[in-house]
Every structure is written in C-alpha cells, then in structure tokens.
C-alpha cells in the first residue's frame, strides 16, 4: 500500500455503529485509512447523519429509483468507484450487490457477519446459533463473492454462548466483538496489503 492513507468507502443501511468505529479509528494517522465516502440504500438513517457530522461525503442509491436490480447495481458501482476506494466496507449494508459491482471491486469489498461462517449464514445468525444449541457463536469478516456469506474469510472471533442468553443479549455481545474485529482488520489490510489464493486470505 502507499504511504498516504488508504481510501475507504463504507456502505450502510442503518444506525452506522460500525461506521462510527471506523471513523474514530481513522482519526489516528497511524491507522492508515480514511473514510472518503459513505453510501446508503435509503434516506433518513443514522449512518448518514454520522457521516455528515464527520464531514464525510455521502450518497444514496435506492433500488426503487431504478428500473431493474442490474440498473441499481450499475449505479451503485459508479457511485462507489468514483471515490477510487482501496477498500469498500459493508457496515450493515442490507443489499446484495450484483455482478457489475463484484467485477469492479469484489476483491476489495469486505463484509462482516454475526456467526462463525460457514455456520448460520443469512439474516438470523444469533437466533439460528441459539436454536442449534452451540456453545460458541461469533463473527466473521470476509471478502464478498457472488454467494450469500460464502466469500474468503479474513478473520473470525468467538463469543461464548451463556446459559441465560436470548437472541438480544447474544446479538449485542457479538456486535461488540464484531466491531472490534472490523476495526482491527481493516487497519491490518490497508497497512500491510493482502492476497487471496484458493480461498485463503493472507495479510502482508
């Protein structure tokens, strides 16, 4: 990577707590990255407010404003790539990107999921983990591919399941671990670079 800060584009759909953690980390020059834009798929969300408060440019690309999902994907791709990102971070972005987006930035697009993949992919990781009766839940950071939560894994963190956990309590503890892992590994990726070979991610 270059000596100048890496350029992050962060995509959000909600409260933006992961975005806020990245914005905070990026205030330290040693972190090696800056958030240059924040994109969303909807208006009126706290994530956009957090970006604006930090002086970061924002954009909104709604599926409903396009005739097809492919058209939306093309518009999102154009918005993101206009900011010349070194890394694109899905921070609670609730839309699946398409072929054009993945072709343009797929090897630089990361997402975080609230389970220890490949176990419990999809929207309800903590709930599914509790229903299965596992003793360890957790979070996975990965490069996005064309599947659902199937891309090459960058890092994982385990979160013990407590006897009195319900979905809300387990989800909250996973979020805390997930957020810390995201900040740590985004920093590592941009400072040291990475390679992907046969699903194996190597940093440095």
N, C-alpha and C. Protein backbone atom coordinates (compact mmCIF):
# COMPACT_ATOMS: atom_id res chain seq x y z
N UNK A 1 0.84 -1.18 0.00
CA UNK A 1 0.00 0.00 0.00
C UNK A 1 0.89 1.25 0.00
N UNK A 2 0.31 2.39 -0.39
CA UNK A 2 1.08 3.62 -0.44
C UNK A 2 1.21 4.19 0.97
N UNK A 3 2.07 5.21 1.10
CA UNK A 3 2.26 5.83 2.40
C UNK A 3 1.10 6.75 2.77
N UNK A 4 0.32 7.20 1.80
CA UNK A 4 -0.85 8.02 2.10
C UNK A 4 -1.97 7.13 2.63
N UNK A 5 -2.92 7.69 3.37
CA UNK A 5 -3.99 6.86 3.93
C UNK A 5 -4.78 6.13 2.84
N UNK A 6 -5.11 4.89 3.10
CA UNK A 6 -5.97 4.14 2.18
C UNK A 6 -7.36 4.76 2.17
N UNK A 7 -8.01 4.67 1.04
CA UNK A 7 -9.32 5.28 0.85
C UNK A 7 -10.41 4.24 1.11
N UNK A 8 -11.25 4.51 2.09
CA UNK A 8 -12.36 3.61 2.44
C UNK A 8 -13.68 4.21 1.97
N UNK A 9 -14.48 3.42 1.29
CA UNK A 9 -15.89 3.74 1.07
C UNK A 9 -16.69 2.77 1.93
N UNK A 10 -17.56 3.30 2.77
CA UNK A 10 -18.34 2.49 3.69
C UNK A 10 -19.81 2.53 3.27
N UNK A 11 -20.45 1.37 3.20
CA UNK A 11 -21.86 1.26 2.82
C UNK A 11 -22.69 0.89 4.04
N UNK A 12 -23.79 1.62 4.25
CA UNK A 12 -24.61 1.43 5.44
C UNK A 12 -26.09 1.37 5.06
N UNK A 13 -26.87 0.77 5.98
CA UNK A 13 -28.33 0.77 5.81
C UNK A 13 -29.06 1.16 7.08
N UNK A 14 -28.31 1.40 8.18
CA UNK A 14 -28.99 1.64 9.44
C UNK A 14 -28.26 2.61 10.34
N UNK A 15 -28.04 2.18 11.58
CA UNK A 15 -27.56 3.10 12.62
C UNK A 15 -26.11 3.52 12.44
N UNK A 16 -25.30 2.70 11.78
CA UNK A 16 -23.94 3.11 11.48
C UNK A 16 -22.97 3.01 12.63
N UNK A 17 -23.19 2.08 13.57
CA UNK A 17 -22.26 1.95 14.69
C UNK A 17 -20.89 1.43 14.23
N UNK A 18 -20.88 0.51 13.27
CA UNK A 18 -19.60 0.06 12.73
C UNK A 18 -18.90 1.19 11.97
N UNK A 19 -19.67 1.98 11.24
CA UNK A 19 -19.11 3.15 10.57
C UNK A 19 -18.48 4.10 11.59
N UNK A 20 -19.18 4.34 12.69
CA UNK A 20 -18.66 5.25 13.70
C UNK A 20 -17.33 4.75 14.26
N UNK A 21 -17.23 3.44 14.45
CA UNK A 21 -15.98 2.86 14.95
C UNK A 21 -14.85 3.08 13.95
N UNK A 22 -15.13 2.95 12.66
CA UNK A 22 -14.11 3.18 11.65
C UNK A 22 -13.73 4.66 11.58
N UNK A 23 -14.72 5.53 11.68
CA UNK A 23 -14.43 6.97 11.68
C UNK A 23 -13.53 7.34 12.86
N UNK A 24 -13.81 6.75 14.01
CA UNK A 24 -12.98 7.02 15.17
C UNK A 24 -11.57 6.52 15.00
N UNK A 25 -11.42 5.31 14.48
CA UNK A 25 -10.08 4.74 14.28
C UNK A 25 -9.28 5.58 13.28
N UNK A 26 -9.96 6.09 12.26
CA UNK A 26 -9.28 6.82 11.20
C UNK A 26 -8.77 8.18 11.63
N UNK A 27 -9.19 8.66 12.80
CA UNK A 27 -8.65 9.92 13.29
C UNK A 27 -7.19 9.79 13.71
N UNK A 28 -6.72 8.57 13.92
CA UNK A 28 -5.31 8.33 14.26
C UNK A 28 -4.53 8.12 12.96
N UNK A 29 -3.57 8.98 12.64
CA UNK A 29 -2.82 8.82 11.39
C UNK A 29 -2.15 7.45 11.26
N UNK A 30 -1.82 6.83 12.38
CA UNK A 30 -1.16 5.52 12.33
C UNK A 30 -2.10 4.42 11.87
N UNK A 31 -3.39 4.68 11.88
CA UNK A 31 -4.34 3.65 11.45
C UNK A 31 -4.17 3.32 9.98
N UNK A 32 -3.86 4.33 9.16
CA UNK A 32 -3.54 4.08 7.76
C UNK A 32 -4.70 4.17 6.79
N UNK A 33 -5.84 4.67 7.24
CA UNK A 33 -7.01 4.75 6.36
C UNK A 33 -7.84 5.96 6.69
N UNK A 34 -8.59 6.43 5.69
CA UNK A 34 -9.56 7.48 5.90
C UNK A 34 -10.85 7.10 5.17
N UNK A 35 -11.98 7.46 5.77
CA UNK A 35 -13.27 7.23 5.13
C UNK A 35 -13.52 8.39 4.18
N UNK A 36 -13.54 8.11 2.88
CA UNK A 36 -13.68 9.18 1.88
C UNK A 36 -15.12 9.35 1.41
N UNK A 37 -15.98 8.37 1.68
CA UNK A 37 -17.40 8.49 1.31
C UNK A 37 -18.19 7.42 2.04
N UNK A 38 -19.46 7.73 2.28
CA UNK A 38 -20.39 6.78 2.87
C UNK A 38 -21.61 6.70 1.97
N UNK A 39 -21.96 5.50 1.58
CA UNK A 39 -23.12 5.28 0.72
C UNK A 39 -24.20 4.51 1.45
N UNK A 40 -25.45 4.70 1.01
CA UNK A 40 -26.58 4.02 1.63
C UNK A 40 -27.60 3.64 0.56
N UNK A 41 -28.50 2.74 0.94
CA UNK A 41 -29.58 2.34 0.05
C UNK A 41 -30.90 2.97 0.44
N UNK A 42 -30.86 3.88 1.42
CA UNK A 42 -32.09 4.55 1.87
C UNK A 42 -31.74 5.88 2.52
N UNK A 43 -32.73 6.76 2.56
CA UNK A 43 -32.56 8.07 3.21
C UNK A 43 -32.92 7.97 4.70
N UNK A 44 -32.58 9.02 5.44
CA UNK A 44 -33.09 9.19 6.78
C UNK A 44 -32.56 8.22 7.81
N UNK A 45 -31.35 7.72 7.62
CA UNK A 45 -30.79 6.77 8.58
C UNK A 45 -29.66 7.43 9.37
N UNK A 46 -29.43 6.90 10.56
CA UNK A 46 -28.42 7.49 11.44
C UNK A 46 -27.02 7.37 10.87
N UNK A 47 -26.78 6.32 10.08
CA UNK A 47 -25.46 6.16 9.48
C UNK A 47 -25.07 7.35 8.62
N UNK A 48 -26.01 7.87 7.85
CA UNK A 48 -25.73 9.05 7.03
C UNK A 48 -25.50 10.27 7.91
N UNK A 49 -26.25 10.39 9.00
CA UNK A 49 -26.04 11.50 9.92
C UNK A 49 -24.64 11.46 10.54
N UNK A 50 -24.18 10.26 10.88
CA UNK A 50 -22.83 10.12 11.44
C UNK A 50 -21.78 10.57 10.43
N UNK A 51 -21.96 10.19 9.17
CA UNK A 51 -21.01 10.59 8.14
C UNK A 51 -20.99 12.10 7.97
N UNK A 52 -22.18 12.70 7.90
CA UNK A 52 -22.26 14.15 7.70
C UNK A 52 -21.65 14.89 8.88
N UNK A 53 -21.86 14.38 10.10
CA UNK A 53 -21.28 15.01 11.28
C UNK A 53 -19.76 14.97 11.25
N UNK A 54 -19.21 13.94 10.59
CA UNK A 54 -17.76 13.81 10.48
C UNK A 54 -17.21 14.52 9.25
N UNK A 55 -18.09 15.17 8.48
CA UNK A 55 -17.66 15.88 7.28
C UNK A 55 -17.33 14.98 6.11
N UNK A 56 -17.91 13.78 6.09
CA UNK A 56 -17.62 12.81 5.03
C UNK A 56 -18.73 12.88 3.98
N UNK A 57 -18.38 12.96 2.70
CA UNK A 57 -19.41 12.98 1.65
C UNK A 57 -20.27 11.72 1.67
N UNK A 58 -21.55 11.89 1.33
CA UNK A 58 -22.48 10.76 1.32
C UNK A 58 -23.20 10.67 -0.02
N UNK A 59 -23.73 9.48 -0.30
CA UNK A 59 -24.60 9.29 -1.46
C UNK A 59 -25.62 8.22 -1.11
N UNK A 60 -26.78 8.30 -1.75
CA UNK A 60 -27.86 7.33 -1.55
C UNK A 60 -28.24 6.77 -2.91
N UNK A 61 -28.23 5.45 -3.01
CA UNK A 61 -28.61 4.77 -4.25
C UNK A 61 -29.72 3.78 -3.92
N UNK A 62 -30.95 4.18 -4.22
CA UNK A 62 -32.12 3.36 -3.88
C UNK A 62 -32.47 2.40 -5.00
N UNK A 63 -32.79 1.18 -4.64
CA UNK A 63 -33.25 0.20 -5.63
C UNK A 63 -34.51 0.70 -6.31
N UNK A 64 -35.40 1.32 -5.57
CA UNK A 64 -36.69 1.76 -6.11
C UNK A 64 -36.57 2.84 -7.17
N UNK A 65 -35.41 3.49 -7.25
CA UNK A 65 -35.22 4.54 -8.25
C UNK A 65 -34.70 4.01 -9.57
N UNK A 66 -34.59 2.70 -9.71
CA UNK A 66 -34.05 2.10 -10.93
C UNK A 66 -34.99 1.05 -11.48
N UNK A 67 -34.97 0.89 -12.79
CA UNK A 67 -35.92 0.01 -13.45
C UNK A 67 -35.64 -1.46 -13.16
N UNK A 68 -34.40 -1.79 -12.88
CA UNK A 68 -34.06 -3.19 -12.61
C UNK A 68 -32.98 -3.24 -11.54
N UNK A 69 -32.81 -4.41 -10.97
CA UNK A 69 -31.75 -4.59 -9.98
C UNK A 69 -30.38 -4.40 -10.64
N UNK A 70 -30.25 -4.80 -11.89
CA UNK A 70 -28.98 -4.62 -12.60
C UNK A 70 -28.67 -3.14 -12.78
N UNK A 71 -29.70 -2.34 -13.07
CA UNK A 71 -29.50 -0.89 -13.21
C UNK A 71 -29.05 -0.29 -11.88
N UNK A 72 -29.68 -0.74 -10.79
CA UNK A 72 -29.26 -0.27 -9.46
C UNK A 72 -27.82 -0.65 -9.19
N UNK A 73 -27.45 -1.87 -9.51
CA UNK A 73 -26.08 -2.34 -9.29
C UNK A 73 -25.09 -1.49 -10.07
N UNK A 74 -25.45 -1.15 -11.31
CA UNK A 74 -24.57 -0.30 -12.12
C UNK A 74 -24.43 1.09 -11.51
N UNK A 75 -25.54 1.64 -11.00
CA UNK A 75 -25.49 2.97 -10.39
C UNK A 75 -24.66 2.94 -9.11
N UNK A 76 -24.84 1.91 -8.29
CA UNK A 76 -24.04 1.79 -7.07
C UNK A 76 -22.56 1.65 -7.41
N UNK A 77 -22.27 0.86 -8.41
CA UNK A 77 -20.88 0.68 -8.84
C UNK A 77 -20.25 2.00 -9.25
N UNK A 78 -21.00 2.79 -10.01
CA UNK A 78 -20.49 4.09 -10.48
C UNK A 78 -20.24 5.03 -9.30
N UNK A 79 -21.18 5.06 -8.35
CA UNK A 79 -21.01 5.94 -7.18
C UNK A 79 -19.78 5.54 -6.37
N UNK A 80 -19.63 4.26 -6.11
CA UNK A 80 -18.53 3.78 -5.28
C UNK A 80 -17.19 4.00 -5.98
N UNK A 81 -17.08 3.58 -7.22
CA UNK A 81 -15.79 3.65 -7.90
C UNK A 81 -15.37 5.09 -8.18
N UNK A 82 -16.32 6.03 -8.21
CA UNK A 82 -15.97 7.44 -8.41
C UNK A 82 -15.07 7.95 -7.28
N UNK A 83 -15.13 7.31 -6.12
CA UNK A 83 -14.32 7.73 -4.98
C UNK A 83 -12.98 7.00 -4.90
N UNK A 84 -12.67 6.20 -5.90
CA UNK A 84 -11.38 5.49 -6.02
C UNK A 84 -10.99 4.77 -4.72
N UNK A 85 -11.86 3.86 -4.25
CA UNK A 85 -11.58 3.22 -2.96
C UNK A 85 -10.47 2.17 -3.06
N UNK A 86 -9.67 2.11 -2.01
CA UNK A 86 -8.75 0.98 -1.85
C UNK A 86 -9.46 -0.20 -1.20
N UNK A 87 -10.49 0.10 -0.42
CA UNK A 87 -11.27 -0.93 0.25
C UNK A 87 -12.70 -0.42 0.40
N UNK A 88 -13.67 -1.29 0.14
CA UNK A 88 -15.08 -0.96 0.33
C UNK A 88 -15.59 -1.83 1.47
N UNK A 89 -16.23 -1.21 2.44
CA UNK A 89 -16.66 -1.91 3.66
C UNK A 89 -18.18 -1.89 3.74
N UNK A 90 -18.77 -3.07 3.78
CA UNK A 90 -20.19 -3.19 4.09
C UNK A 90 -20.33 -3.15 5.60
N UNK A 91 -20.90 -2.07 6.12
CA UNK A 91 -21.07 -1.90 7.56
C UNK A 91 -22.56 -1.91 7.87
N UNK A 92 -23.15 -3.10 7.79
CA UNK A 92 -24.59 -3.20 7.96
C UNK A 92 -25.36 -2.82 6.72
N UNK A 93 -24.77 -3.00 5.55
CA UNK A 93 -25.44 -2.72 4.27
C UNK A 93 -26.30 -3.92 3.93
N UNK A 94 -27.60 -3.72 3.76
CA UNK A 94 -28.55 -4.82 3.69
C UNK A 94 -28.93 -5.23 2.27
N UNK A 95 -28.18 -4.77 1.28
CA UNK A 95 -28.47 -5.16 -0.09
C UNK A 95 -27.34 -6.04 -0.64
N UNK A 96 -27.73 -7.06 -1.40
CA UNK A 96 -26.75 -7.89 -2.09
C UNK A 96 -26.35 -7.21 -3.38
N UNK A 97 -25.06 -7.00 -3.57
CA UNK A 97 -24.59 -6.38 -4.80
C UNK A 97 -24.58 -7.41 -5.92
N UNK A 98 -24.46 -6.91 -7.16
CA UNK A 98 -24.53 -7.78 -8.32
C UNK A 98 -23.21 -7.96 -9.02
N UNK A 99 -23.31 -8.51 -10.23
CA UNK A 99 -22.13 -8.90 -10.99
C UNK A 99 -21.24 -7.71 -11.32
N UNK A 100 -21.83 -6.60 -11.74
CA UNK A 100 -21.02 -5.45 -12.15
C UNK A 100 -20.22 -4.91 -10.96
N UNK A 101 -20.87 -4.82 -9.80
CA UNK A 101 -20.18 -4.33 -8.61
C UNK A 101 -19.03 -5.27 -8.25
N UNK A 102 -19.29 -6.56 -8.22
CA UNK A 102 -18.25 -7.51 -7.83
C UNK A 102 -17.10 -7.54 -8.83
N UNK A 103 -17.41 -7.35 -10.10
CA UNK A 103 -16.35 -7.29 -11.11
C UNK A 103 -15.45 -6.08 -10.87
N UNK A 104 -16.07 -4.97 -10.47
CA UNK A 104 -15.32 -3.73 -10.29
C UNK A 104 -14.52 -3.71 -8.99
N UNK A 105 -15.13 -4.20 -7.89
CA UNK A 105 -14.47 -4.04 -6.58
C UNK A 105 -14.51 -5.30 -5.73
N UNK A 106 -14.84 -6.43 -6.30
CA UNK A 106 -15.06 -7.63 -5.49
C UNK A 106 -13.89 -8.05 -4.63
N UNK A 107 -12.67 -7.91 -5.15
CA UNK A 107 -11.51 -8.31 -4.35
C UNK A 107 -11.10 -7.23 -3.35
N UNK A 108 -11.92 -6.17 -3.25
CA UNK A 108 -11.68 -5.10 -2.28
C UNK A 108 -12.94 -4.80 -1.46
N UNK A 109 -13.92 -5.71 -1.51
CA UNK A 109 -15.20 -5.50 -0.83
C UNK A 109 -15.33 -6.48 0.32
N UNK A 110 -15.42 -5.96 1.54
CA UNK A 110 -15.49 -6.83 2.70
C UNK A 110 -16.80 -6.63 3.45
N UNK A 111 -17.20 -7.68 4.14
CA UNK A 111 -18.44 -7.65 4.91
C UNK A 111 -18.20 -8.40 6.21
N UNK A 112 -19.04 -8.13 7.19
CA UNK A 112 -18.97 -8.83 8.46
C UNK A 112 -20.31 -9.49 8.74
N UNK A 113 -20.24 -10.70 9.32
CA UNK A 113 -21.46 -11.47 9.58
C UNK A 113 -21.44 -11.97 11.01
N UNK A 114 -22.62 -12.03 11.63
CA UNK A 114 -22.71 -12.34 13.05
C UNK A 114 -22.84 -13.84 13.36
N UNK A 115 -21.99 -14.62 12.71
CA UNK A 115 -21.84 -16.03 13.08
C UNK A 115 -20.44 -16.48 12.67
N UNK A 116 -20.08 -17.68 13.10
CA UNK A 116 -18.81 -18.26 12.69
C UNK A 116 -19.05 -19.05 11.41
N UNK A 117 -18.96 -18.35 10.29
CA UNK A 117 -19.19 -19.00 9.00
C UNK A 117 -18.20 -20.15 8.78
N UNK A 118 -18.63 -21.20 8.07
CA UNK A 118 -19.85 -21.31 7.27
C UNK A 118 -21.11 -21.66 8.03
N UNK A 119 -21.06 -21.73 9.37
CA UNK A 119 -22.27 -21.99 10.14
C UNK A 119 -23.18 -20.77 10.16
N UNK A 120 -24.46 -20.99 10.01
CA UNK A 120 -25.51 -20.00 10.21
C UNK A 120 -25.36 -18.75 9.34
N UNK A 121 -25.30 -18.93 8.02
CA UNK A 121 -25.32 -17.76 7.13
C UNK A 121 -26.72 -17.14 7.10
N UNK A 122 -26.84 -16.02 6.43
CA UNK A 122 -28.15 -15.39 6.28
C UNK A 122 -28.43 -14.36 7.35
N UNK A 123 -29.70 -14.00 7.48
CA UNK A 123 -30.09 -12.84 8.26
C UNK A 123 -30.17 -13.08 9.77
N UNK A 124 -30.18 -14.33 10.22
CA UNK A 124 -30.51 -14.60 11.62
C UNK A 124 -29.45 -15.45 12.32
N UNK A 125 -28.18 -15.06 12.20
CA UNK A 125 -27.10 -15.85 12.75
C UNK A 125 -27.23 -16.15 14.23
N UNK A 126 -27.38 -15.15 15.11
CA UNK A 126 -27.50 -15.43 16.54
C UNK A 126 -28.72 -16.28 16.89
N UNK A 127 -29.85 -16.01 16.28
CA UNK A 127 -31.05 -16.80 16.54
C UNK A 127 -30.84 -18.25 16.15
N UNK A 128 -30.25 -18.46 14.98
CA UNK A 128 -30.02 -19.82 14.50
C UNK A 128 -29.00 -20.55 15.37
N UNK A 129 -27.99 -19.81 15.84
CA UNK A 129 -26.99 -20.42 16.72
C UNK A 129 -27.61 -20.87 18.03
N UNK A 130 -28.47 -20.04 18.61
CA UNK A 130 -29.16 -20.41 19.84
C UNK A 130 -30.07 -21.62 19.63
N UNK A 131 -30.77 -21.62 18.53
CA UNK A 131 -31.69 -22.73 18.26
C UNK A 131 -30.94 -24.04 18.09
N UNK A 132 -29.74 -23.98 17.56
CA UNK A 132 -28.95 -25.19 17.34
C UNK A 132 -28.29 -25.67 18.63
N UNK A 133 -28.13 -24.76 19.59
CA UNK A 133 -27.54 -25.14 20.86
C UNK A 133 -26.04 -25.09 20.91
N UNK A 134 -25.40 -24.27 20.07
CA UNK A 134 -23.95 -24.20 20.07
C UNK A 134 -23.45 -23.52 21.35
N UNK A 135 -22.23 -23.80 21.71
CA UNK A 135 -21.61 -23.19 22.88
C UNK A 135 -20.75 -21.99 22.52
N UNK A 136 -20.37 -21.88 21.24
CA UNK A 136 -19.61 -20.74 20.75
C UNK A 136 -20.32 -20.14 19.55
N UNK A 137 -20.62 -18.86 19.63
CA UNK A 137 -21.08 -18.09 18.48
C UNK A 137 -19.93 -17.17 18.09
N UNK A 138 -20.22 -16.13 17.33
CA UNK A 138 -19.14 -15.22 16.99
C UNK A 138 -19.41 -14.40 15.75
N UNK A 139 -18.35 -13.88 15.16
CA UNK A 139 -18.45 -13.02 13.99
C UNK A 139 -17.35 -13.35 13.00
N UNK A 140 -17.66 -13.17 11.73
CA UNK A 140 -16.74 -13.47 10.64
C UNK A 140 -16.60 -12.25 9.74
N UNK A 141 -15.36 -11.91 9.42
CA UNK A 141 -15.07 -10.87 8.44
C UNK A 141 -14.58 -11.56 7.18
N UNK A 142 -15.12 -11.18 6.02
CA UNK A 142 -14.81 -11.92 4.79
C UNK A 142 -14.89 -11.01 3.57
N UNK A 143 -14.23 -11.45 2.51
CA UNK A 143 -14.37 -10.80 1.21
C UNK A 143 -15.64 -11.31 0.55
N UNK A 144 -16.43 -10.41 -0.01
CA UNK A 144 -17.71 -10.76 -0.59
C UNK A 144 -17.52 -11.40 -1.96
N UNK A 145 -18.25 -12.49 -2.18
CA UNK A 145 -18.31 -13.08 -3.52
C UNK A 145 -19.78 -13.14 -3.95
N UNK A 146 -20.09 -13.93 -4.98
CA UNK A 146 -21.44 -13.93 -5.53
C UNK A 146 -22.43 -14.70 -4.68
N UNK A 147 -21.97 -15.43 -3.67
CA UNK A 147 -22.87 -16.17 -2.80
C UNK A 147 -23.34 -15.33 -1.63
N UNK A 148 -24.07 -15.96 -0.72
CA UNK A 148 -24.55 -15.29 0.49
C UNK A 148 -23.67 -15.75 1.65
N UNK A 149 -22.81 -14.85 2.11
CA UNK A 149 -21.89 -15.13 3.23
C UNK A 149 -20.97 -16.31 2.93
N UNK A 150 -20.48 -16.37 1.70
CA UNK A 150 -19.66 -17.52 1.28
C UNK A 150 -18.23 -17.15 0.88
N UNK A 151 -17.85 -15.88 0.97
CA UNK A 151 -16.56 -15.45 0.46
C UNK A 151 -15.39 -15.84 1.35
N UNK A 152 -14.17 -15.64 0.84
CA UNK A 152 -12.96 -15.99 1.60
C UNK A 152 -12.88 -15.26 2.94
N UNK A 153 -12.57 -16.01 3.98
CA UNK A 153 -12.60 -15.49 5.34
C UNK A 153 -11.29 -14.78 5.68
N UNK A 154 -11.44 -13.56 6.20
CA UNK A 154 -10.29 -12.76 6.65
C UNK A 154 -9.98 -13.05 8.11
N UNK A 155 -11.00 -13.05 8.96
CA UNK A 155 -10.79 -13.23 10.40
C UNK A 155 -12.10 -13.69 11.04
N UNK A 156 -11.98 -14.33 12.20
CA UNK A 156 -13.14 -14.74 12.98
C UNK A 156 -12.86 -14.50 14.46
N UNK A 157 -13.90 -14.21 15.21
CA UNK A 157 -13.79 -14.04 16.66
C UNK A 157 -14.92 -14.83 17.31
N UNK A 158 -14.59 -15.60 18.33
CA UNK A 158 -15.58 -16.42 19.02
C UNK A 158 -16.19 -15.66 20.19
N UNK A 159 -17.47 -15.88 20.40
CA UNK A 159 -18.21 -15.29 21.51
C UNK A 159 -18.93 -16.42 22.24
N UNK A 160 -18.59 -16.71 23.49
CA UNK A 160 -19.27 -17.79 24.21
C UNK A 160 -20.76 -17.53 24.35
N UNK A 161 -21.55 -18.60 24.24
CA UNK A 161 -22.98 -18.53 24.48
C UNK A 161 -23.23 -18.81 25.95
N UNK A 162 -23.83 -17.85 26.64
CA UNK A 162 -24.10 -18.01 28.07
C UNK A 162 -25.41 -18.75 28.28
N UNK A 163 -25.54 -19.47 29.40
CA UNK A 163 -26.76 -20.26 29.64
C UNK A 163 -28.05 -19.45 29.59
N UNK A 164 -27.99 -18.18 30.00
CA UNK A 164 -29.20 -17.36 30.05
C UNK A 164 -29.34 -16.45 28.84
N UNK A 165 -28.55 -16.67 27.80
CA UNK A 165 -28.64 -15.81 26.62
C UNK A 165 -29.98 -15.95 25.92
N UNK A 166 -30.51 -14.84 25.46
CA UNK A 166 -31.56 -14.85 24.46
C UNK A 166 -30.99 -14.20 23.20
N UNK A 167 -31.81 -14.07 22.16
CA UNK A 167 -31.29 -13.55 20.90
C UNK A 167 -30.74 -12.13 21.06
N UNK A 168 -31.42 -11.30 21.84
CA UNK A 168 -30.99 -9.91 22.00
C UNK A 168 -29.65 -9.81 22.71
N UNK A 169 -29.48 -10.55 23.80
CA UNK A 169 -28.24 -10.45 24.56
C UNK A 169 -27.06 -11.02 23.79
N UNK A 170 -27.27 -12.14 23.11
CA UNK A 170 -26.18 -12.72 22.33
C UNK A 170 -25.83 -11.82 21.16
N UNK A 171 -26.83 -11.27 20.50
CA UNK A 171 -26.58 -10.38 19.37
C UNK A 171 -25.75 -9.18 19.79
N UNK A 172 -26.06 -8.61 20.95
CA UNK A 172 -25.34 -7.42 21.40
C UNK A 172 -23.88 -7.73 21.68
N UNK A 173 -23.60 -8.88 22.31
CA UNK A 173 -22.21 -9.22 22.60
C UNK A 173 -21.45 -9.56 21.33
N UNK A 174 -22.13 -10.18 20.37
CA UNK A 174 -21.48 -10.43 19.09
C UNK A 174 -21.16 -9.11 18.39
N UNK A 175 -22.07 -8.15 18.44
CA UNK A 175 -21.84 -6.86 17.79
C UNK A 175 -20.58 -6.19 18.33
N UNK A 176 -20.38 -6.26 19.63
CA UNK A 176 -19.20 -5.63 20.23
C UNK A 176 -17.92 -6.29 19.71
N UNK A 177 -17.90 -7.61 19.68
CA UNK A 177 -16.72 -8.33 19.17
C UNK A 177 -16.54 -8.10 17.68
N UNK A 178 -17.64 -8.06 16.96
CA UNK A 178 -17.64 -7.85 15.51
C UNK A 178 -17.04 -6.48 15.16
N UNK A 179 -17.45 -5.48 15.92
CA UNK A 179 -16.99 -4.11 15.67
C UNK A 179 -15.48 -4.00 15.90
N UNK A 180 -15.01 -4.57 16.99
CA UNK A 180 -13.58 -4.52 17.29
C UNK A 180 -12.77 -5.26 16.23
N UNK A 181 -13.27 -6.40 15.79
CA UNK A 181 -12.58 -7.17 14.75
C UNK A 181 -12.54 -6.40 13.44
N UNK A 182 -13.64 -5.76 13.07
CA UNK A 182 -13.69 -5.00 11.84
C UNK A 182 -12.64 -3.89 11.84
N UNK A 183 -12.59 -3.12 12.92
CA UNK A 183 -11.64 -2.02 13.00
C UNK A 183 -10.21 -2.53 12.95
N UNK A 184 -9.92 -3.59 13.70
CA UNK A 184 -8.56 -4.13 13.72
C UNK A 184 -8.12 -4.60 12.34
N UNK A 185 -8.97 -5.36 11.67
CA UNK A 185 -8.53 -5.98 10.42
C UNK A 185 -8.61 -5.06 9.22
N UNK A 186 -9.49 -4.08 9.23
CA UNK A 186 -9.42 -3.06 8.18
C UNK A 186 -8.06 -2.37 8.27
N UNK A 187 -7.64 -2.03 9.48
CA UNK A 187 -6.32 -1.42 9.65
C UNK A 187 -5.20 -2.32 9.17
N UNK A 188 -5.26 -3.58 9.52
CA UNK A 188 -4.22 -4.51 9.07
C UNK A 188 -4.18 -4.63 7.55
N UNK A 189 -5.35 -4.74 6.95
CA UNK A 189 -5.42 -4.89 5.50
C UNK A 189 -4.80 -3.70 4.78
N UNK A 190 -5.17 -2.49 5.21
CA UNK A 190 -4.69 -1.31 4.48
C UNK A 190 -3.22 -1.02 4.77
N UNK A 191 -2.75 -1.39 5.95
CA UNK A 191 -1.34 -1.11 6.27
C UNK A 191 -0.40 -2.14 5.66
N UNK A 192 -0.84 -3.36 5.53
CA UNK A 192 0.06 -4.44 5.13
C UNK A 192 -0.28 -5.07 3.78
N UNK A 193 -1.45 -4.77 3.23
CA UNK A 193 -1.85 -5.39 1.99
C UNK A 193 -2.33 -6.81 2.21
N UNK A 194 -2.84 -7.43 1.15
CA UNK A 194 -3.37 -8.78 1.29
C UNK A 194 -3.34 -9.50 -0.06
N UNK A 195 -3.46 -10.81 0.01
CA UNK A 195 -3.62 -11.63 -1.19
C UNK A 195 -4.65 -12.70 -0.89
N UNK A 196 -5.30 -13.20 -1.94
CA UNK A 196 -6.30 -14.25 -1.81
C UNK A 196 -5.94 -15.36 -2.79
N UNK A 197 -5.75 -16.57 -2.28
CA UNK A 197 -5.42 -17.70 -3.13
C UNK A 197 -6.14 -18.94 -2.62
N UNK A 198 -6.98 -19.53 -3.47
CA UNK A 198 -7.70 -20.75 -3.10
C UNK A 198 -8.46 -20.55 -1.79
N UNK A 199 -9.15 -19.43 -1.68
CA UNK A 199 -9.97 -19.07 -0.52
C UNK A 199 -9.13 -18.66 0.70
N UNK A 200 -7.86 -18.76 0.65
CA UNK A 200 -7.01 -18.39 1.80
C UNK A 200 -6.60 -16.93 1.67
N UNK A 201 -6.94 -16.14 2.70
CA UNK A 201 -6.55 -14.73 2.75
C UNK A 201 -5.28 -14.59 3.56
N UNK A 202 -4.27 -13.96 2.95
CA UNK A 202 -3.00 -13.71 3.62
C UNK A 202 -2.80 -12.21 3.72
N UNK A 203 -2.56 -11.73 4.92
CA UNK A 203 -2.28 -10.31 5.14
C UNK A 203 -0.78 -10.10 5.23
N UNK A 204 -0.28 -9.15 4.45
CA UNK A 204 1.16 -8.90 4.46
C UNK A 204 1.89 -9.66 3.39
